[in-house]
Amino acid sequence: MPKLTAPLLPPGPRKQLSDEFHALHRRAGWPSVRELARSIGREVASPSRIHDSFTKQRLPVWGLIEVLVEVLASRVPGGPSSEQEVQRFHGLWDAAAENSSYALAGLDTTVDEPLEPAPSPTPPPGGPVAVAEEDSKVRDEVPLTRADSPSATRDQLDALTSQRDDAFRRAESREAAATAADFEYLVRAHTNLLGPDHPDTLECRHYASAWRGEAGGAAEAAAGFEGLVQDQTRLLGPDHPDTLTSRHNCFAWFGEAGEAGEAAAGFEELVQDQTRLLGPDHPDTLTSRHHAADWRGHAGQAADAAASFEELARDRARVLGPDHPDTLNSRYFQSKWLGHAGDAAGAAAGFEELVRDETRVFGAEHPDTLISRYQVAEWLGHAGQPADAAAVLAELLPVEERIRGTDAPETLTTRFGLAHWRGEAGDAAGAAAAFKDLAQDQTRVLGPDHRDTLASRHNAADWRGHAGQAADAAASFEELVQDQTRVLGPDHPDTLNSRLFQADWRGRAGEVAAAVAALTDLVEDYKRSWGPEHPDTLDSQKILSHWSARAGRASVAAIRTRFKRSWPGSM
């Protein structure tokens, strides 16, 4: 769920209440308005009303603030109790209610209506938005008339509110593409009824871009937010909270679209502005520092990322406390990027220390603790301790199976890591058997063409070869290459990688001429796909030279390790 935009308010008790309300929402993990509506009961308040309590200038009724604070506080690990937070927020609300006249002209200073059961949403003209096959018909039939024209009616405005409820309902079902289409329609409807510069129109553009990104259109989302930033800067000013939020989302989607360097640079500029406007210790400033550091790592500057997270962890410990989830999260990323910078032993030690603290703060079976335990194993393995890595994962696996389930993605990833490090520790036959079993389960859970399934088949074949079954390994790779060519395409890195392993195992099985022929074709395909100077092209040429000369296996080993065994998405 994208974070909700805060209303524009002058300094004072009302702004303090809004700031604290949004900070609590962030600490609770930014639950969606639909989640909150389910938690407090839809008969108490609709998602739209909950949304308005976060985003509108008017003071929400205390009853709504009370139940929302109670729910949000219960979701903050290690935070104050719900009762303590309710008492604190009542003081903030009371001060805002006493000082309800603001100096800023044009502000809506009214207090929200008393909390009452919310009526059932009224379907918009043409049928509910949630009926996918009727979407285009619904959108075409809704009259789009400017609200300031004589023909605009309260029914039309009520229909927009109902449709916004339907869009949020769709969002709760995680139908990203359909939700994006809903909000894109609402942008057009709001533009015609209220105008392109109306706050509700801008808000719909925010959600349309966010859900377009969630639907896989990261570049489109970045472009959408980039345009929104320009309009919000013109209408609200560059320092308005909504403008800053849109900049945050714009840079995040640029990163997701593959522009890591641009994302890092954007977040670094945002940090400077937030430091000036909000202060260096404000939660939003610290969050932007997190993203700036992370995208810097993705842009190839792992050491700089690790150093930035080390500094951020110190600041968060000072501001929030050493056991705050954000502080622990910064330590997680510090260790991660330390490993990617080449210090695998340091990363393993950092994660081991983090596991101890997360176990104390969250408990041994908290999801964050389990993820960090997995990272301990991964970096122990990269530090040259594969047996220790396998031992850690062997202890973790039954816990994952009991808590998450045997078919959960995290459980399957743990099984993958355990099989891999067993093989690296010398048990090639055990690794081959484990990967074969895993591939069968992934076929059942994910499907035969899922990349994780294909990755496990790759590893099963390779470890079978290391267990002394070179011919079987070559045959398995031949089948895998056919499937990867069909699913991923002939020039996909995974397909080319499997062709290299297939040729190498054919050579080890005694089919030297076949290996040379296959590698000759593969080198040409690498040149065409990646260029003659790409490391993979150069290494495939060296392996071709080896088999052409029937040199010893040792000369191939060092090169072959560069072609990483396919690995599923890390936890």
Foldseek 3Di string as FASTA:
>chain_A
DAQAFAEDDDDDLLVVLLQVLSVLCVLLPVDQLVVLCVVLDLQFDASVVVSCCNHAQEHEDLVVVLSSLQVSQVSHFPDDHSVVSSVVSVVSSVRCVVVQDDPDPPHDSHYHDDTGTDDDQDAAPQGHLLPPVSNVVRLVPLDQAAQPDPPHDPSSVSNLVSLVSSLSVVVVVVPLVSSLVSLVSSLVSCCRHHNNLDPVSLVSLLSNLVSCVSVPPLVSSLVSLVVSLVSCCVVPNCLRSVSLSSLLSNLVSCVVVVNLVSSLVSLVVSLVSCCVVPNCLRPVSLVSLLSNLVSCVVVPPLVSSLVSLVVSLVSCCVRPNNLGPVSLVSLLSNLVSVVVVPCLVSSLVSLVVSLVSCCVRPNCLDPVSLQSLLSNLVSCVVVPNLVVSLVSLVVSLVSCCVPVNCLDPVNLQSLLSNLVSCVVVPCLVSSLVSLVVSLVSCCVRPNCLDVQSLLSLLSNLLSVVVVPCLVSSLVSLVVSLVSCCVRPNCLDLVSLLSLLSNLVSCVVVVNLVSSLVSLVVSLVSCCVRPNCPDLVSVLSVVVSVCSVVVHDPVVNVVSNVVSPRDHPDRD
